C-alpha atoms as a PDB file:
ATOM      1  CA  MET A   1      12.093  17.418  -2.378  1.00  0.00           C
ATOM      2  CA  PRO A   2      15.374  16.998  -4.419  1.00  0.00           C
ATOM      3  CA  ILE A   3      18.374  19.179  -3.529  1.00  0.00           C
ATOM      4  CA  ILE A   4      19.992  19.944  -6.955  1.00  0.00           C
ATOM      5  CA  ASN A   5      23.592  21.532  -7.284  1.00  0.00           C
ATOM      6  CA  ILE A   6      24.391  23.186 -10.354  1.00  0.00           C
ATOM      7  CA  ALA A   7      27.877  24.418 -11.359  1.00  0.00           C
ATOM      8  CA  VAL A   8      28.351  26.668 -14.570  1.00  0.00           C
ATOM      9  CA  THR A   9      31.329  28.137 -16.295  1.00  0.00           C
ATOM     10  CA  THR A  10      29.382  31.532 -16.486  1.00  0.00           C
ATOM     11  CA  SER A  11      30.107  34.821 -14.431  1.00  0.00           C
ATOM     12  CA  PRO A  12      27.430  35.311 -11.671  1.00  0.00           C
ATOM     13  CA  ASP A  13      24.745  36.809 -12.872  1.00  0.00           C
ATOM     14  CA  ALA A  14      21.379  36.720 -10.535  1.00  0.00           C
ATOM     15  CA  GLU A  15      18.894  36.894 -13.470  1.00  0.00           C
ATOM     16  CA  ARG A  16      20.691  34.113 -15.303  1.00  0.00           C
ATOM     17  CA  SER A  17      20.630  32.201 -12.114  1.00  0.00           C
ATOM     18  CA  ALA A  18      16.971  32.698 -11.500  1.00  0.00           C
ATOM     19  CA  ARG A  19      16.550  31.270 -15.151  1.00  0.00           C
ATOM     20  CA  ILE A  20      18.384  28.432 -14.575  1.00  0.00           C
ATOM     21  CA  ALA A  21      16.919  27.453 -11.420  1.00  0.00           C
ATOM     22  CA  GLY A  22      13.361  28.202 -12.646  1.00  0.00           C
ATOM     23  CA  ARG A  23      13.624  25.966 -15.824  1.00  0.00           C
ATOM     24  CA  ILE A  24      15.557  23.049 -13.966  1.00  0.00           C
ATOM     25  CA  THR A  25      12.826  22.965 -11.191  1.00  0.00           C
ATOM     26  CA  GLU A  26      10.276  22.682 -14.041  1.00  0.00           C
ATOM     27  CA  LEU A  27      12.303  19.767 -15.873  1.00  0.00           C
ATOM     28  CA  THR A  28      12.452  17.961 -12.566  1.00  0.00           C
ATOM     29  CA  ARG A  29       8.842  18.540 -11.919  1.00  0.00           C
ATOM     30  CA  ARG A  30       8.260  17.296 -15.311  1.00  0.00           C
ATOM     31  CA  HIS A  31      10.506  14.310 -15.793  1.00  0.00           C
ATOM     32  CA  LEU A  32      10.910  13.358 -12.340  1.00  0.00           C
ATOM     33  CA  ARG A  33       7.568  14.249 -10.785  1.00  0.00           C
ATOM     34  CA  LYS A  34       9.250  15.920  -7.852  1.00  0.00           C
ATOM     35  CA  ASP A  35       6.928  18.708  -6.311  1.00  0.00           C
ATOM     36  CA  PRO A  36       8.570  22.311  -7.012  1.00  0.00           C
ATOM     37  CA  THR A  37       7.482  23.592  -3.547  1.00  0.00           C
ATOM     38  CA  VAL A  38       9.999  21.590  -1.941  1.00  0.00           C
ATOM     39  CA  THR A  39      12.809  21.590  -4.716  1.00  0.00           C
ATOM     40  CA  ALA A  40      16.022  23.524  -3.672  1.00  0.00           C
ATOM     41  CA  VAL A  41      18.641  24.715  -6.266  1.00  0.00           C
ATOM     42  CA  ALA A  42      21.920  25.956  -5.525  1.00  0.00           C
ATOM     43  CA  ILE A  43      24.048  27.553  -8.368  1.00  0.00           C
ATOM     44  CA  SER A  44      27.673  28.244  -8.280  1.00  0.00           C
ATOM     45  CA  HIS A  45      29.886  29.722 -10.849  1.00  0.00           C
ATOM     46  CA  ILE A  46      33.316  28.726 -11.971  1.00  0.00           C
ATOM     47  CA  ASP A  47      35.643  30.437 -14.280  1.00  0.00           C
ATOM     48  CA  PRO A  48      36.227  28.694 -17.596  1.00  0.00           C
ATOM     49  CA  ASP A  49      39.740  29.348 -17.059  1.00  0.00           C
ATOM     50  CA  HIS A  50      39.574  26.791 -14.239  1.00  0.00           C
ATOM     51  CA  TRP A  51      37.375  24.211 -15.952  1.00  0.00           C
ATOM     52  CA  PHE A  52      39.151  21.565 -18.113  1.00  0.00           C
ATOM     53  CA  ALA A  53      37.884  19.125 -20.463  1.00  0.00           C
ATOM     54  CA  GLY A  54      40.255  16.895 -22.377  1.00  0.00           C
ATOM     55  CA  GLY A  55      43.406  18.542 -21.184  1.00  0.00           C
ATOM     56  CA  GLN A  56      42.401  22.268 -22.250  1.00  0.00           C
ATOM     57  CA  SER A  57      40.518  24.914 -20.290  1.00  0.00           C
ATOM     58  CA  LEU A  58      37.185  25.679 -21.447  1.00  0.00           C
ATOM     59  CA  ALA A  59      38.264  29.573 -22.090  1.00  0.00           C
ATOM     60  CA  ALA A  60      40.725  28.067 -24.568  1.00  0.00           C
ATOM     61  CA  GLN A  61      38.079  25.974 -26.102  1.00  0.00           C
ATOM     62  CA  GLY A  62      35.633  29.013 -26.193  1.00  0.00           C
ATOM     63  CA  ALA A  63      33.168  26.587 -24.623  1.00  0.00           C
ATOM     64  CA  HIS A  64      31.050  26.139 -21.411  1.00  0.00           C
ATOM     65  CA  SER A  65      30.349  23.373 -19.442  1.00  0.00           C
ATOM     66  CA  PHE A  66      28.155  22.571 -16.258  1.00  0.00           C
ATOM     67  CA  TRP A  67      27.653  20.014 -13.787  1.00  0.00           C
ATOM     68  CA  LEU A  68      24.310  19.325 -12.166  1.00  0.00           C
ATOM     69  CA  ASP A  69      23.902  17.173  -9.070  1.00  0.00           C
ATOM     70  CA  ILE A  70      20.633  16.041  -7.796  1.00  0.00           C
ATOM     71  CA  LYS A  71      19.497  13.655  -5.171  1.00  0.00           C
ATOM     72  CA  VAL A  72      15.872  11.757  -4.976  1.00  0.00           C
ATOM     73  CA  VAL A  73      14.835   8.964  -3.087  1.00  0.00           C
ATOM     74  CA  ASP A  74      15.676   5.555  -4.744  1.00  0.00           C
ATOM     75  CA  GLY A  75      13.132   3.908  -6.849  1.00  0.00           C
ATOM     76  CA  THR A  76      10.786   6.822  -7.339  1.00  0.00           C
ATOM     77  CA  ASN A  77      11.891   7.115 -11.060  1.00  0.00           C
ATOM     78  CA  THR A  78      12.186   4.718 -14.041  1.00  0.00           C
ATOM     79  CA  LYS A  79      15.475   4.484 -16.345  1.00  0.00           C
ATOM     80  CA  SER A  80      13.235   6.355 -19.126  1.00  0.00           C
ATOM     81  CA  GLU A  81      12.577   9.278 -16.869  1.00  0.00           C
ATOM     82  CA  LEU A  82      16.018   9.550 -15.979  1.00  0.00           C
ATOM     83  CA  ALA A  83      17.322   9.148 -19.277  1.00  0.00           C
ATOM     84  CA  ASP A  84      14.537  11.692 -20.391  1.00  0.00           C
ATOM     85  CA  TYR A  85      15.403  14.198 -17.549  1.00  0.00           C
ATOM     86  CA  MET A  86      19.317  13.851 -18.466  1.00  0.00           C
ATOM     87  CA  ALA A  87      18.501  14.589 -22.191  1.00  0.00           C
ATOM     88  CA  ALA A  88      16.428  17.672 -21.141  1.00  0.00           C
ATOM     89  CA  VAL A  89      18.950  19.005 -18.927  1.00  0.00           C
ATOM     90  CA  PHE A  90      21.477  19.034 -21.197  1.00  0.00           C
ATOM     91  CA  SER A  91      19.278  20.509 -23.937  1.00  0.00           C
ATOM     92  CA  GLU A  92      17.945  23.324 -21.549  1.00  0.00           C
ATOM     93  CA  LEU A  93      21.218  24.205 -19.989  1.00  0.00           C
ATOM     94  CA  GLY A  94      22.708  24.245 -23.333  1.00  0.00           C
ATOM     95  CA  SER A  95      20.638  26.986 -24.237  1.00  0.00           C
ATOM     96  CA  LEU A  96      20.708  29.024 -21.076  1.00  0.00           C
ATOM     97  CA  VAL A  97      24.373  28.966 -21.028  1.00  0.00           C
ATOM     98  CA  GLY A  98      25.365  28.637 -24.534  1.00  0.00           C
ATOM     99  CA  ASN A  99      27.960  26.691 -26.263  1.00  0.00           C
ATOM    100  CA  VAL A 100      27.833  23.714 -23.901  1.00  0.00           C
ATOM    101  CA  HIS A 101      31.106  21.509 -24.303  1.00  0.00           C
ATOM    102  CA  SER A 102      29.939  18.015 -24.784  1.00  0.00           C
ATOM    103  CA  GLU A 103      31.929  16.853 -21.235  1.00  0.00           C
ATOM    104  CA  SER A 104      28.916  18.608 -19.324  1.00  0.00           C
ATOM    105  CA  TYR A 105      27.569  15.983 -16.589  1.00  0.00           C
ATOM    106  CA  VAL A 106      24.086  15.273 -14.950  1.00  0.00           C
ATOM    107  CA  LEU A 107      24.446  12.564 -12.031  1.00  0.00           C
ATOM    108  CA  VAL A 108      20.935  11.589 -10.225  1.00  0.00           C
ATOM    109  CA  HIS A 109      21.777  10.278  -6.585  1.00  0.00           C
ATOM    110  CA  GLU A 110      19.185   7.628  -5.968  1.00  0.00           C
ATOM    111  CA  VAL A 111      19.451   7.610  -2.176  1.00  0.00           C
ATOM    112  CA  SER A 112      17.458   5.495   0.578  1.00  0.00           C
ATOM    113  CA  ALA A 113      14.451   7.152   2.066  1.00  0.00           C
ATOM    114  CA  ALA A 114      16.006   6.469   5.702  1.00  0.00           C
ATOM    115  CA  ALA A 115      18.899   8.382   4.918  1.00  0.00           C
ATOM    116  CA  TYR A 116      17.489  11.455   3.133  1.00  0.00           C
ATOM    117  CA  GLY A 117      15.050  14.229   4.093  1.00  0.00           C
ATOM    118  CA  PHE A 118      14.491  17.765   4.968  1.00  0.00           C
ATOM    119  CA  GLY A 119      13.318  19.753   7.772  1.00  0.00           C
ATOM    120  CA  GLY A 120      14.733  17.147  10.179  1.00  0.00           C
ATOM    121  CA  VAL A 121      12.290  14.190   9.016  1.00  0.00           C
ATOM    122  CA  THR A 122      13.201  11.421   6.815  1.00  0.00           C
ATOM    123  CA  GLN A 123      11.465  10.825   3.580  1.00  0.00           C
ATOM    124  CA  GLU A 124      10.659   7.454   5.044  1.00  0.00           C
ATOM    125  CA  TYR A 125       9.225   8.714   8.011  1.00  0.00           C
ATOM    126  CA  ARG A 126       7.067  10.930   5.997  1.00  0.00           C
ATOM    127  CA  TYR A 127       5.703   7.901   3.804  1.00  0.00           C
ATOM    128  CA  ILE A 128       4.956   5.929   6.576  1.00  0.00           C
ATOM    129  CA  LYS A 129       3.100   8.800   8.487  1.00  0.00           C
ATOM    130  CA  GLY A 130       1.069   9.413   5.257  1.00  0.00           C
ATOM    131  CA  ARG A 131       0.125   5.694   5.146  1.00  0.00           C
ATOM    132  CA  LEU A 132      -0.859   5.395   8.704  1.00  0.00           C
ATOM    133  CA  ASP A 133      -2.847   8.969   8.259  1.00  0.00           C
ATOM    134  CA  ALA A 134      -4.710   7.578   5.354  1.00  0.00           C
ATOM    135  CA  ALA A 135      -5.660   4.265   7.325  1.00  0.00           C
END
């Protein structure tokens, strides 16, 4: 059920956005064990003239960058899973976007199950309900 926000320094292109969303959803399933049927991805595009790394625009450096921000419930992933996910995302977005600057970021927010949910229901409620239904 993660929500994933991705900013990239490419021009808007629906086909590229669909490839990015599909690949990131799959990496999120594989590395973080998140259900792709309830994974949401929002992609925004920023002109490389307006994205700076090391004091210079990416356009001036002839490079691209990205920022991936994902929210997951705390305690659902190990440090190794998170590290593997970050490496896989960097590699995959590098091949999808091209010439990615090393100053490209992945941030995994681990948030409380009581403070996170979708469809008007918290993840904590879903967990407790699931346990009660199983009993």
